Amino acid sequence: MTKPCFFCDVQQQDDLQRIAESEFCFSRYDDFPVSKGHAEIVSKRHIESVFDLTAGEFTDVQTLLQKSKAVIDEEYSPDGYTVGINVGEAGGQTIPHMHMHVIPRYNGDVTEPNGGVRNILKKGDYSDQAKTAGKEKYL
């Protein structure tokens, strides 16, 4: 018996979290947000990875990303965003269905935001790495 897929199921239901929909994907607010307005863009076709998207689906994800951002901007007025896709169990993917996280960021939501996604592996302070590499002008 195949394990049910949350994203396949939710797209067939009245989803109160829904933000927008397009030909190949839909966006919705995350059920377990890490910040106000945290959303996800989900492929309608059951595929596990962003690497499985067709060119048309990939373009559609980009279009829906812009539409979702406009809604989130209007409703929550974030100061920035972190956008990411977890791929595979080792990459942190807990639902094996392609989805992109759109995480609004707010000034002061973390002590030191420099490096953003680079900090997920706890490799150290990105600022120090950038300075060592002579790239402090990009900080």
Protein backbone atom coordinates (compact mmCIF):
# COMPACT_ATOMS: atom_id res chain seq x y z
CA MET A 1 0.00 0.00 0.00
CA THR A 2 1.34 3.41 -0.97
CA LYS A 3 1.63 6.07 1.71
CA PRO A 4 -0.78 8.98 1.10
CA CYS A 5 0.71 12.28 -0.08
CA PHE A 6 -0.35 15.40 1.83
CA PHE A 7 0.08 17.73 -1.18
CA CYS A 8 -1.80 15.41 -3.55
CA ASP A 9 -4.63 15.20 -1.03
CA VAL A 10 -4.78 18.91 -0.18
CA GLN A 11 -5.04 20.00 -3.80
CA GLN A 12 -8.26 17.97 -4.11
CA GLN A 13 -9.88 19.66 -1.10
CA ASP A 14 -11.21 23.07 -0.17
CA ASP A 15 -7.96 24.48 1.16
CA LEU A 16 -8.40 27.49 3.42
CA GLN A 17 -4.63 28.06 3.21
CA ARG A 18 -4.68 28.56 -0.59
CA ILE A 19 -3.11 31.74 -1.94
CA ALA A 20 -3.06 31.27 -5.71
CA GLU A 21 -3.21 28.64 -8.42
CA SER A 22 -1.82 28.28 -11.92
CA GLU A 23 -1.73 25.62 -14.60
CA PHE A 24 0.96 23.43 -13.02
CA CYS A 25 1.12 24.45 -9.37
CA PHE A 26 -0.60 26.14 -6.46
CA SER A 27 0.56 28.14 -3.47
CA ARG A 28 -0.70 28.00 0.06
CA TYR A 29 0.28 29.16 3.50
CA ASP A 30 2.37 26.59 5.34
CA ASP A 31 0.58 24.69 8.08
CA PHE A 32 3.65 25.01 10.34
CA PRO A 33 5.01 28.48 9.49
CA VAL A 34 8.44 29.58 10.64
CA SER A 35 7.38 33.23 10.16
CA LYS A 36 4.22 35.24 9.49
CA GLY A 37 3.18 34.58 5.88
CA HIS A 38 5.36 31.49 5.31
CA ALA A 39 4.03 29.89 2.14
CA GLU A 40 4.82 27.01 -0.16
CA ILE A 41 4.51 26.58 -3.90
CA VAL A 42 3.55 23.04 -4.80
CA SER A 43 3.59 21.19 -8.10
CA LYS A 44 0.20 19.73 -8.99
CA ARG A 45 1.90 16.74 -10.58
CA HIS A 46 3.25 14.32 -8.01
CA ILE A 47 6.99 14.53 -8.42
CA GLU A 48 9.54 14.43 -5.64
CA SER A 49 12.09 16.99 -6.72
CA VAL A 50 12.56 20.35 -8.39
CA PHE A 51 14.88 18.45 -10.73
CA ASP A 52 11.85 16.54 -12.05
CA LEU A 53 9.99 19.67 -13.21
CA THR A 54 9.47 20.17 -16.92
CA ALA A 55 10.53 23.51 -18.40
CA GLY A 56 6.89 24.62 -18.45
CA GLU A 57 6.35 23.63 -14.84
CA PHE A 58 9.53 25.42 -13.78
CA THR A 59 8.35 28.60 -15.51
CA ASP A 60 4.97 28.22 -13.83
CA VAL A 61 6.65 27.94 -10.41
CA GLN A 62 8.43 31.25 -11.09
CA THR A 63 5.18 32.93 -12.13
CA LEU A 64 3.38 31.69 -9.03
CA LEU A 65 6.32 32.75 -6.85
CA GLN A 66 5.82 36.34 -8.04
CA LYS A 67 2.04 36.19 -7.54
CA SER A 68 2.41 34.72 -4.06
CA LYS A 69 5.02 37.31 -3.10
CA ALA A 70 2.62 40.09 -4.10
CA VAL A 71 -0.08 38.65 -1.83
CA ILE A 72 2.34 38.14 1.07
CA ASP A 73 3.76 41.65 0.62
CA GLU A 74 0.27 43.13 0.76
CA GLU A 75 -0.83 41.12 3.78
CA TYR A 76 2.36 40.96 5.89
CA SER A 77 4.82 43.63 4.60
CA PRO A 78 8.00 41.58 5.21
CA ASP A 79 11.46 43.16 5.07
CA GLY A 80 12.94 40.32 3.00
CA TYR A 81 12.55 36.69 1.97
CA THR A 82 14.27 33.35 2.14
CA VAL A 83 13.20 31.06 -0.70
CA GLY A 84 14.27 27.44 -0.81
CA ILE A 85 13.57 23.90 -1.90
CA ASN A 86 14.53 20.87 0.17
CA VAL A 87 15.43 17.85 -1.97
CA GLY A 88 15.64 14.37 -0.52
CA GLU A 89 15.67 13.24 3.07
CA ALA A 90 19.28 14.33 3.56
CA GLY A 91 18.31 17.76 2.20
CA GLY A 92 15.56 18.13 4.80
CA GLN A 93 12.58 17.19 2.62
CA THR A 94 9.88 15.66 4.81
CA ILE A 95 7.08 15.42 2.23
CA PRO A 96 8.33 13.70 -0.94
CA HIS A 97 6.41 16.02 -3.27
CA MET A 98 8.06 19.05 -4.91
CA HIS A 99 7.40 22.23 -2.98
CA MET A 100 9.23 25.51 -2.61
CA HIS A 101 9.23 27.41 0.67
CA VAL A 102 8.64 31.16 0.51
CA ILE A 103 9.60 32.47 3.93
CA PRO A 104 9.02 36.13 4.70
CA ARG A 105 11.79 37.63 6.81
CA TYR A 106 11.52 40.51 9.22
CA ASN A 107 14.17 42.83 10.61
CA GLY A 108 15.28 41.35 13.93
CA ASP A 109 13.78 37.87 13.37
CA VAL A 110 17.26 36.43 13.95
CA THR A 111 20.26 38.00 15.64
CA GLU A 112 22.58 37.75 12.63
CA PRO A 113 20.90 37.09 9.27
CA ASN A 114 24.09 37.37 7.18
CA GLY A 115 24.58 34.29 5.04
CA GLY A 116 20.91 33.25 5.14
CA VAL A 117 20.65 29.69 3.83
CA ARG A 118 24.38 29.13 4.32
CA ASN A 119 23.67 28.76 8.02
CA ILE A 120 21.50 25.65 7.65
CA LEU A 121 24.55 23.40 7.89
CA LYS A 122 26.02 25.31 10.83
CA LYS A 123 29.30 25.74 8.97
CA GLY A 124 30.11 28.87 10.90
CA ASP A 125 29.62 32.54 10.48
CA TYR A 126 29.19 33.44 6.81
CA SER A 127 30.44 36.95 7.56
CA ASP A 128 33.79 35.59 8.70
CA GLN A 129 34.01 33.31 5.65
CA ALA A 130 33.19 36.19 3.30
CA LYS A 131 35.76 38.46 4.95
CA THR A 132 38.42 35.74 4.73
CA ALA A 133 37.62 35.37 1.02
CA GLY A 134 37.91 39.13 0.51
CA LYS A 135 34.19 39.49 -0.23
CA GLU A 136 33.19 41.76 2.64
CA LYS A 137 31.82 44.27 0.13
CA TYR A 138 28.95 41.83 -0.53
CA LEU A 139 27.89 41.66 3.11
